[in-house]
Amino acid sequence: MTDCQHCHKPMKQATANMLCASCRETYWQAIRQLGHVQLPALRSIMLRQARIGTTTHTPSRGNAPLPIDTHAQDLIAESEAWLAEQAGKIRAAYAGYDWRKAWYAIISNRHTILDMSTAADDYAALERIIRRNEQALTPEEAMVIIGTCPKCGHQAASTPQAETWTCPDCKWQGGVQAIKAERDNKLWQLEYTGKPVEVARYLAKMDIHCTSDQIRQWLTRGKLHATPTKHKGEYVFNLGEITAMLDCHN
């Protein structure tokens, strides 16, 4: 029995490019998502026609805003290059198409694309592009803090569903669960000063969920050893202690 070159699960029936039926379908859906959803959205952001997250007023500092969003422009360029490469594999002339025509050419040649000998590598490259695009298109308030980059220390934030993370500063890439595990080990060294509702909100940004009522109950019962400050209802919390309490109650 042969293993799928992408998910590495055994395949009942081998295919020319060694992708299982499930990976072939998710690969195809990713192609459709890139052209149908992500690229149009990124182009709107690049031209400042759309904003991600809430709109806030920024006072003028005397400098004109940039006419385009350069980060979105970089993501678009990478996405379009991938489409041009795949279209060019169908027919050399297609490589010169604009992104929309290239995408239509790919969509019109489903079996050709899915049966490419390079499909496993192409799919892996597309997954990285889709993840970066998704992160750029996700409102900041929906992102979670997973830890810090082990190479340069940059704060790591991603979508809750992400499996890998790439540092925007040093380009280091690693698994989200490993980064979270390292973060959790360091929580015992971290303190947060605030009210129960504030520390609960802060932990939620790390995808660690507890309620302010839980924290108050643990304080009342003496299960949390938080230090009161001079401000009413405010404490210095040890974040590791709170997460340990959560583990005990899950």
C-alpha atoms as a PDB file:
ATOM      1  CA  MET A   1       0.000   0.000   0.000  1.00  0.00           C
ATOM      2  CA  THR A   2       1.355   3.436  -0.996  1.00  0.00           C
ATOM      3  CA  ASP A   3       1.275   6.516   1.222  1.00  0.00           C
ATOM      4  CA  CYS A   4      -0.088   9.859   0.080  1.00  0.00           C
ATOM      5  CA  GLN A   5       2.800  12.269  -0.554  1.00  0.00           C
ATOM      6  CA  HIS A   6       0.926  15.077   1.178  1.00  0.00           C
ATOM      7  CA  CYS A   7      -0.860  13.707   4.272  1.00  0.00           C
ATOM      8  CA  HIS A   8       1.290  10.533   4.399  1.00  0.00           C
ATOM      9  CA  LYS A   9      -1.718   8.313   5.042  1.00  0.00           C
ATOM     10  CA  PRO A  10      -1.996   4.948   3.242  1.00  0.00           C
ATOM     11  CA  MET A  11      -3.898   5.077  -0.056  1.00  0.00           C
ATOM     12  CA  LYS A  12      -6.169   2.258  -1.142  1.00  0.00           C
ATOM     13  CA  GLN A  13      -5.431   3.013  -4.763  1.00  0.00           C
ATOM     14  CA  ALA A  14      -2.212   4.623  -5.990  1.00  0.00           C
ATOM     15  CA  THR A  15      -2.401   7.618  -8.331  1.00  0.00           C
ATOM     16  CA  ALA A  16       0.180   8.992 -10.721  1.00  0.00           C
ATOM     17  CA  ASN A  17       1.058  11.927  -8.467  1.00  0.00           C
ATOM     18  CA  MET A  18       0.616  10.047  -5.190  1.00  0.00           C
ATOM     19  CA  LEU A  19      -2.143  12.264  -3.754  1.00  0.00           C
ATOM     20  CA  CYS A  20      -5.026  10.555  -1.970  1.00  0.00           C
ATOM     21  CA  ALA A  21      -8.628  11.350  -2.856  1.00  0.00           C
ATOM     22  CA  SER A  22      -9.063  13.574   0.201  1.00  0.00           C
ATOM     23  CA  CYS A  23      -5.948  15.645  -0.539  1.00  0.00           C
ATOM     24  CA  ARG A  24      -6.931  15.964  -4.192  1.00  0.00           C
ATOM     25  CA  GLU A  25     -10.264  17.448  -3.140  1.00  0.00           C
ATOM     26  CA  THR A  26      -8.825  19.834  -0.524  1.00  0.00           C
ATOM     27  CA  TYR A  27      -6.129  20.903  -3.015  1.00  0.00           C
ATOM     28  CA  TRP A  28      -8.822  21.711  -5.564  1.00  0.00           C
ATOM     29  CA  GLN A  29     -10.878  23.657  -3.027  1.00  0.00           C
ATOM     30  CA  ALA A  30      -7.764  25.668  -2.102  1.00  0.00           C
ATOM     31  CA  ILE A  31      -7.269  26.582  -5.770  1.00  0.00           C
ATOM     32  CA  ARG A  32     -10.869  27.745  -5.979  1.00  0.00           C
ATOM     33  CA  GLN A  33     -10.531  29.730  -2.737  1.00  0.00           C
ATOM     34  CA  LEU A  34      -7.379  31.477  -3.967  1.00  0.00           C
ATOM     35  CA  GLY A  35      -9.003  32.888  -7.088  1.00  0.00           C
ATOM     36  CA  HIS A  36     -12.591  33.224  -5.965  1.00  0.00           C
ATOM     37  CA  VAL A  37     -12.089  34.699  -2.475  1.00  0.00           C
ATOM     38  CA  GLN A  38      -8.556  35.570  -1.443  1.00  0.00           C
ATOM     39  CA  LEU A  39      -7.103  37.401  -4.435  1.00  0.00           C
ATOM     40  CA  PRO A  40     -10.125  39.700  -4.940  1.00  0.00           C
ATOM     41  CA  ALA A  41     -10.113  40.491  -1.199  1.00  0.00           C
ATOM     42  CA  LEU A  42      -6.371  41.169  -1.156  1.00  0.00           C
ATOM     43  CA  ARG A  43      -6.631  43.445  -4.189  1.00  0.00           C
ATOM     44  CA  SER A  44      -9.327  45.482  -2.433  1.00  0.00           C
ATOM     45  CA  ILE A  45      -7.059  45.850   0.594  1.00  0.00           C
ATOM     46  CA  MET A  46      -4.054  46.710  -1.566  1.00  0.00           C
ATOM     47  CA  LEU A  47      -5.996  49.575  -3.117  1.00  0.00           C
ATOM     48  CA  ARG A  48      -7.337  50.556   0.322  1.00  0.00           C
ATOM     49  CA  GLN A  49     -10.896  49.808  -0.777  1.00  0.00           C
ATOM     50  CA  ALA A  50     -11.439  47.573   2.257  1.00  0.00           C
ATOM     51  CA  ARG A  51     -10.181  47.378   5.825  1.00  0.00           C
ATOM     52  CA  ILE A  52      -9.633  44.363   8.074  1.00  0.00           C
ATOM     53  CA  GLY A  53     -11.088  44.810  11.560  1.00  0.00           C
ATOM     54  CA  THR A  54     -12.633  47.896  13.090  1.00  0.00           C
ATOM     55  CA  THR A  55     -12.158  51.329  11.591  1.00  0.00           C
ATOM     56  CA  THR A  56     -10.442  53.829  13.885  1.00  0.00           C
ATOM     57  CA  HIS A  57      -9.796  57.526  13.366  1.00  0.00           C
ATOM     58  CA  THR A  58      -6.146  58.451  13.045  1.00  0.00           C
ATOM     59  CA  PRO A  59      -5.296  62.140  13.267  1.00  0.00           C
ATOM     60  CA  SER A  60      -3.288  63.566  10.410  1.00  0.00           C
ATOM     61  CA  ARG A  61       0.423  63.931  11.062  1.00  0.00           C
ATOM     62  CA  GLY A  62       0.993  65.882   7.866  1.00  0.00           C
ATOM     63  CA  ASN A  63       2.040  62.827   5.827  1.00  0.00           C
ATOM     64  CA  ALA A  64      -0.056  61.514   2.949  1.00  0.00           C
ATOM     65  CA  PRO A  65      -1.082  57.835   3.371  1.00  0.00           C
ATOM     66  CA  LEU A  66       0.449  55.244   1.094  1.00  0.00           C
ATOM     67  CA  PRO A  67      -1.699  54.744  -2.012  1.00  0.00           C
ATOM     68  CA  ILE A  68      -1.477  50.966  -1.676  1.00  0.00           C
ATOM     69  CA  ASP A  69      -0.970  48.359   1.027  1.00  0.00           C
ATOM     70  CA  THR A  70       2.488  46.961   0.266  1.00  0.00           C
ATOM     71  CA  HIS A  71       2.066  43.822   2.408  1.00  0.00           C
ATOM     72  CA  ALA A  72      -1.077  42.884   0.474  1.00  0.00           C
ATOM     73  CA  GLN A  73       0.821  43.647  -2.737  1.00  0.00           C
ATOM     74  CA  ASP A  74       3.527  41.123  -1.807  1.00  0.00           C
ATOM     75  CA  LEU A  75       0.927  38.447  -1.035  1.00  0.00           C
ATOM     76  CA  ILE A  76      -0.824  39.125  -4.342  1.00  0.00           C
ATOM     77  CA  ALA A  77       2.448  38.840  -6.258  1.00  0.00           C
ATOM     78  CA  GLU A  78       3.206  35.460  -4.668  1.00  0.00           C
ATOM     79  CA  SER A  79      -0.342  34.200  -5.316  1.00  0.00           C
ATOM     80  CA  GLU A  80      -0.307  35.351  -8.929  1.00  0.00           C
ATOM     81  CA  ALA A  81       3.112  33.784  -9.526  1.00  0.00           C
ATOM     82  CA  TRP A  82       1.782  30.435  -8.303  1.00  0.00           C
ATOM     83  CA  LEU A  83      -1.218  30.667 -10.647  1.00  0.00           C
ATOM     84  CA  ALA A  84       0.993  31.626 -13.603  1.00  0.00           C
ATOM     85  CA  GLU A  85       3.299  28.677 -12.931  1.00  0.00           C
ATOM     86  CA  GLN A  86       0.440  26.185 -12.813  1.00  0.00           C
ATOM     87  CA  ALA A  87      -1.277  27.658 -15.886  1.00  0.00           C
ATOM     88  CA  GLY A  88       2.028  27.467 -17.750  1.00  0.00           C
ATOM     89  CA  LYS A  89       2.209  23.747 -17.024  1.00  0.00           C
ATOM     90  CA  ILE A  90      -1.092  23.280 -18.867  1.00  0.00           C
ATOM     91  CA  ARG A  91       0.094  25.258 -21.886  1.00  0.00           C
ATOM     92  CA  ALA A  92       3.204  27.446 -22.091  1.00  0.00           C
ATOM     93  CA  ALA A  93       1.258  30.414 -23.490  1.00  0.00           C
ATOM     94  CA  TYR A  94      -0.979  30.439 -20.404  1.00  0.00           C
ATOM     95  CA  ALA A  95       1.956  31.507 -18.208  1.00  0.00           C
ATOM     96  CA  GLY A  96       1.624  35.026 -19.648  1.00  0.00           C
ATOM     97  CA  TYR A  97      -2.031  35.375 -18.710  1.00  0.00           C
ATOM     98  CA  ASP A  98      -3.160  37.818 -16.031  1.00  0.00           C
ATOM     99  CA  TRP A  99      -4.083  36.132 -12.772  1.00  0.00           C
ATOM    100  CA  ARG A 100      -7.803  35.835 -13.482  1.00  0.00           C
ATOM    101  CA  LYS A 101      -7.358  34.239 -16.903  1.00  0.00           C
ATOM    102  CA  ALA A 102      -4.693  31.940 -15.466  1.00  0.00           C
ATOM    103  CA  TRP A 103      -7.079  30.891 -12.694  1.00  0.00           C
ATOM    104  CA  TYR A 104      -9.873  30.249 -15.203  1.00  0.00           C
ATOM    105  CA  ALA A 105      -7.474  28.136 -17.290  1.00  0.00           C
ATOM    106  CA  ILE A 106      -6.641  26.069 -14.209  1.00  0.00           C
ATOM    107  CA  ILE A 107     -10.300  25.724 -13.180  1.00  0.00           C
ATOM    108  CA  SER A 108     -11.139  24.548 -16.704  1.00  0.00           C
ATOM    109  CA  ASN A 109      -8.453  21.847 -16.560  1.00  0.00           C
ATOM    110  CA  ARG A 110      -9.145  20.194 -13.221  1.00  0.00           C
ATOM    111  CA  HIS A 111      -7.948  16.709 -14.108  1.00  0.00           C
ATOM    112  CA  THR A 112      -4.807  18.015 -15.790  1.00  0.00           C
ATOM    113  CA  ILE A 113      -3.844  19.998 -12.687  1.00  0.00           C
ATOM    114  CA  LEU A 114      -4.713  17.255 -10.188  1.00  0.00           C
ATOM    115  CA  ASP A 115      -2.842  14.627 -12.206  1.00  0.00           C
ATOM    116  CA  MET A 116       0.378  16.662 -12.525  1.00  0.00           C
ATOM    117  CA  SER A 117       3.482  14.785 -11.390  1.00  0.00           C
ATOM    118  CA  THR A 118       4.354  17.893  -9.338  1.00  0.00           C
ATOM    119  CA  ALA A 119       0.914  18.117  -7.668  1.00  0.00           C
ATOM    120  CA  ALA A 120       2.164  17.217  -4.176  1.00  0.00           C
ATOM    121  CA  ASP A 121       4.813  19.962  -4.221  1.00  0.00           C
ATOM    122  CA  ASP A 122       2.415  22.432  -5.857  1.00  0.00           C
ATOM    123  CA  TYR A 123      -0.185  21.725  -3.178  1.00  0.00           C
ATOM    124  CA  ALA A 124       2.355  22.255  -0.377  1.00  0.00           C
ATOM    125  CA  ALA A 125       3.397  25.598  -1.898  1.00  0.00           C
ATOM    126  CA  LEU A 126      -0.240  26.653  -2.259  1.00  0.00           C
ATOM    127  CA  GLU A 127      -0.971  25.758   1.379  1.00  0.00           C
ATOM    128  CA  ARG A 128       1.746  28.170   2.522  1.00  0.00           C
ATOM    129  CA  ILE A 129       0.313  30.906   0.304  1.00  0.00           C
ATOM    130  CA  ILE A 130      -3.248  30.269   1.510  1.00  0.00           C
ATOM    131  CA  ARG A 131      -2.138  30.427   5.168  1.00  0.00           C
ATOM    132  CA  ARG A 132      -0.346  33.751   4.701  1.00  0.00           C
ATOM    133  CA  ASN A 133      -3.282  35.216   2.807  1.00  0.00           C
ATOM    134  CA  GLU A 134      -5.727  33.969   5.438  1.00  0.00           C
ATOM    135  CA  GLN A 135      -3.707  35.583   8.196  1.00  0.00           C
ATOM    136  CA  ALA A 136      -3.686  38.923   6.343  1.00  0.00           C
ATOM    137  CA  LEU A 137      -7.443  38.692   5.781  1.00  0.00           C
ATOM    138  CA  THR A 138      -8.274  37.815   9.397  1.00  0.00           C
ATOM    139  CA  PRO A 139      -9.314  40.712  11.671  1.00  0.00           C
ATOM    140  CA  GLU A 140      -6.750  41.432  14.372  1.00  0.00           C
ATOM    141  CA  GLU A 141      -9.294  40.740  17.110  1.00  0.00           C
ATOM    142  CA  ALA A 142      -9.751  37.190  15.758  1.00  0.00           C
ATOM    143  CA  MET A 143      -6.018  36.396  15.981  1.00  0.00           C
ATOM    144  CA  VAL A 144      -4.576  34.559  18.973  1.00  0.00           C
ATOM    145  CA  ILE A 145      -1.156  35.003  20.559  1.00  0.00           C
ATOM    146  CA  ILE A 146       0.568  31.625  20.354  1.00  0.00           C
ATOM    147  CA  GLY A 147       3.906  32.680  21.860  1.00  0.00           C
ATOM    148  CA  THR A 148       7.119  34.165  20.515  1.00  0.00           C
ATOM    149  CA  CYS A 149       9.500  33.293  17.698  1.00  0.00           C
ATOM    150  CA  PRO A 150      12.227  31.032  19.142  1.00  0.00           C
ATOM    151  CA  LYS A 151      14.790  32.607  16.807  1.00  0.00           C
ATOM    152  CA  CYS A 152      14.207  36.366  17.117  1.00  0.00           C
ATOM    153  CA  GLY A 153      11.616  36.747  19.901  1.00  0.00           C
ATOM    154  CA  HIS A 154       8.942  38.402  17.723  1.00  0.00           C
ATOM    155  CA  GLN A 155       5.425  37.933  19.145  1.00  0.00           C
ATOM    156  CA  ALA A 156       3.672  35.116  17.302  1.00  0.00           C
ATOM    157  CA  ALA A 157      -0.008  35.539  16.454  1.00  0.00           C
ATOM    158  CA  SER A 158      -2.064  33.384  14.112  1.00  0.00           C
ATOM    159  CA  THR A 159      -5.554  32.227  13.294  1.00  0.00           C
ATOM    160  CA  PRO A 160      -6.935  29.664  15.790  1.00  0.00           C
ATOM    161  CA  GLN A 161      -6.984  26.937  13.097  1.00  0.00           C
ATOM    162  CA  ALA A 162      -3.372  27.407  11.922  1.00  0.00           C
ATOM    163  CA  GLU A 163      -0.984  24.452  12.103  1.00  0.00           C
ATOM    164  CA  THR A 164       2.242  26.282  11.213  1.00  0.00           C
ATOM    165  CA  TRP A 165       3.500  29.827  11.721  1.00  0.00           C
ATOM    166  CA  THR A 166       6.094  31.867   9.824  1.00  0.00           C
ATOM    167  CA  CYS A 167       7.817  34.758  11.583  1.00  0.00           C
ATOM    168  CA  PRO A 168       7.286  37.991   9.634  1.00  0.00           C
ATOM    169  CA  ASP A 169      10.686  39.283  10.810  1.00  0.00           C
ATOM    170  CA  CYS A 170      13.223  36.462  10.463  1.00  0.00           C
ATOM    171  CA  LYS A 171      11.098  34.055   8.345  1.00  0.00           C
ATOM    172  CA  TRP A 172      11.576  31.150  10.799  1.00  0.00           C
ATOM    173  CA  GLN A 173       8.796  28.590  10.407  1.00  0.00           C
ATOM    174  CA  GLY A 174       7.538  26.024  12.898  1.00  0.00           C
ATOM    175  CA  GLY A 175       4.520  24.179  14.255  1.00  0.00           C
ATOM    176  CA  VAL A 176       1.912  26.160  16.182  1.00  0.00           C
ATOM    177  CA  GLN A 177       1.493  23.480  18.874  1.00  0.00           C
ATOM    178  CA  ALA A 178       5.237  23.463  19.618  1.00  0.00           C
ATOM    179  CA  ILE A 179       5.256  27.264  19.930  1.00  0.00           C
ATOM    180  CA  LYS A 180       2.212  27.116  22.237  1.00  0.00           C
ATOM    181  CA  ALA A 181       3.852  24.434  24.388  1.00  0.00           C
ATOM    182  CA  GLU A 182       6.941  26.610  24.851  1.00  0.00           C
ATOM    183  CA  ARG A 183       4.693  29.575  25.663  1.00  0.00           C
ATOM    184  CA  ASP A 184       2.799  27.541  28.271  1.00  0.00           C
ATOM    185  CA  ASN A 185       6.086  26.518  29.911  1.00  0.00           C
ATOM    186  CA  LYS A 186       6.967  30.191  30.292  1.00  0.00           C
ATOM    187  CA  LEU A 187       3.592  31.274  31.687  1.00  0.00           C
ATOM    188  CA  TRP A 188       4.819  30.584  35.241  1.00  0.00           C
ATOM    189  CA  GLN A 189       7.362  33.363  34.672  1.00  0.00           C
ATOM    190  CA  LEU A 190       4.698  35.842  33.508  1.00  0.00           C
ATOM    191  CA  GLU A 191       2.527  38.102  35.645  1.00  0.00           C
ATOM    192  CA  TYR A 192      -0.477  40.208  34.725  1.00  0.00           C
ATOM    193  CA  THR A 193      -1.764  43.098  36.800  1.00  0.00           C
ATOM    194  CA  GLY A 194      -5.465  43.816  36.477  1.00  0.00           C
ATOM    195  CA  LYS A 195      -8.976  42.822  37.404  1.00  0.00           C
ATOM    196  CA  PRO A 196     -10.311  39.273  36.820  1.00  0.00           C
ATOM    197  CA  VAL A 197     -12.211  40.366  33.712  1.00  0.00           C
ATOM    198  CA  GLU A 198      -9.050  41.939  32.291  1.00  0.00           C
ATOM    199  CA  VAL A 199      -6.828  38.914  32.846  1.00  0.00           C
ATOM    200  CA  ALA A 200      -9.533  36.652  31.355  1.00  0.00           C
ATOM    201  CA  ARG A 201      -9.644  38.876  28.287  1.00  0.00           C
ATOM    202  CA  TYR A 202      -5.837  38.820  28.016  1.00  0.00           C
ATOM    203  CA  LEU A 203      -5.701  35.022  28.231  1.00  0.00           C
ATOM    204  CA  ALA A 204      -8.415  34.758  25.577  1.00  0.00           C
ATOM    205  CA  LYS A 205      -5.986  36.476  23.204  1.00  0.00           C
ATOM    206  CA  MET A 206      -3.746  33.447  23.770  1.00  0.00           C
ATOM    207  CA  ASP A 207      -6.624  31.073  23.023  1.00  0.00           C
ATOM    208  CA  ILE A 208      -6.703  30.190  26.736  1.00  0.00           C
ATOM    209  CA  HIS A 209     -10.306  30.488  27.839  1.00  0.00           C
ATOM    210  CA  CYS A 210     -11.546  31.051  31.374  1.00  0.00           C
ATOM    211  CA  THR A 211     -14.198  33.370  32.758  1.00  0.00           C
ATOM    212  CA  SER A 212     -13.820  36.243  35.189  1.00  0.00           C
ATOM    213  CA  ASP A 213     -16.290  34.407  37.464  1.00  0.00           C
ATOM    214  CA  GLN A 214     -13.969  31.383  37.591  1.00  0.00           C
ATOM    215  CA  ILE A 215     -11.036  33.596  38.552  1.00  0.00           C
ATOM    216  CA  ARG A 216     -13.066  35.347  41.265  1.00  0.00           C
ATOM    217  CA  GLN A 217     -14.182  31.992  42.699  1.00  0.00           C
ATOM    218  CA  TRP A 218     -10.596  30.712  42.807  1.00  0.00           C
ATOM    219  CA  LEU A 219      -9.566  33.920  44.565  1.00  0.00           C
ATOM    220  CA  THR A 220     -12.393  33.615  47.116  1.00  0.00           C
ATOM    221  CA  ARG A 221     -11.529  29.966  47.839  1.00  0.00           C
ATOM    222  CA  GLY A 222      -7.827  30.723  48.170  1.00  0.00           C
ATOM    223  CA  LYS A 223      -6.884  28.577  45.190  1.00  0.00           C
ATOM    224  CA  LEU A 224      -5.158  31.495  43.446  1.00  0.00           C
ATOM    225  CA  HIS A 225      -2.373  33.274  45.280  1.00  0.00           C
ATOM    226  CA  ALA A 226      -2.752  36.630  43.518  1.00  0.00           C
ATOM    227  CA  THR A 227      -1.394  39.729  45.228  1.00  0.00           C
ATOM    228  CA  PRO A 228      -3.867  42.612  45.733  1.00  0.00           C
ATOM    229  CA  THR A 229      -2.759  46.056  44.558  1.00  0.00           C
ATOM    230  CA  LYS A 230      -3.768  49.418  45.999  1.00  0.00           C
ATOM    231  CA  HIS A 231      -6.571  49.620  43.439  1.00  0.00           C
ATOM    232  CA  LYS A 232      -9.912  48.035  44.320  1.00  0.00           C
ATOM    233  CA  GLY A 233     -10.525  44.677  42.652  1.00  0.00           C
ATOM    234  CA  GLU A 234      -7.076  44.596  41.049  1.00  0.00           C
ATOM    235  CA  TYR A 235      -4.469  41.857  41.566  1.00  0.00           C
ATOM    236  CA  VAL A 236      -1.088  40.709  40.318  1.00  0.00           C
ATOM    237  CA  PHE A 237      -1.792  37.300  38.785  1.00  0.00           C
ATOM    238  CA  ASN A 238       0.641  34.546  37.888  1.00  0.00           C
ATOM    239  CA  LEU A 239      -0.537  33.339  34.476  1.00  0.00           C
ATOM    240  CA  GLY A 240       0.910  29.861  34.965  1.00  0.00           C
ATOM    241  CA  GLU A 241      -1.143  29.398  38.120  1.00  0.00           C
ATOM    242  CA  ILE A 242      -4.361  30.315  36.302  1.00  0.00           C
ATOM    243  CA  THR A 243      -3.696  27.902  33.427  1.00  0.00           C
ATOM    244  CA  ALA A 244      -2.844  25.171  35.911  1.00  0.00           C
ATOM    245  CA  MET A 245      -6.220  25.714  37.577  1.00  0.00           C
ATOM    246  CA  LEU A 246      -7.891  25.467  34.178  1.00  0.00           C
ATOM    247  CA  ASP A 247      -6.125  22.164  33.493  1.00  0.00           C
ATOM    248  CA  CYS A 248      -7.465  20.812  36.780  1.00  0.00           C
ATOM    249  CA  HIS A 249     -11.041  21.728  35.838  1.00  0.00           C
ATOM    250  CA  ASN A 250     -10.991  20.456  32.228  1.00  0.00           C
END
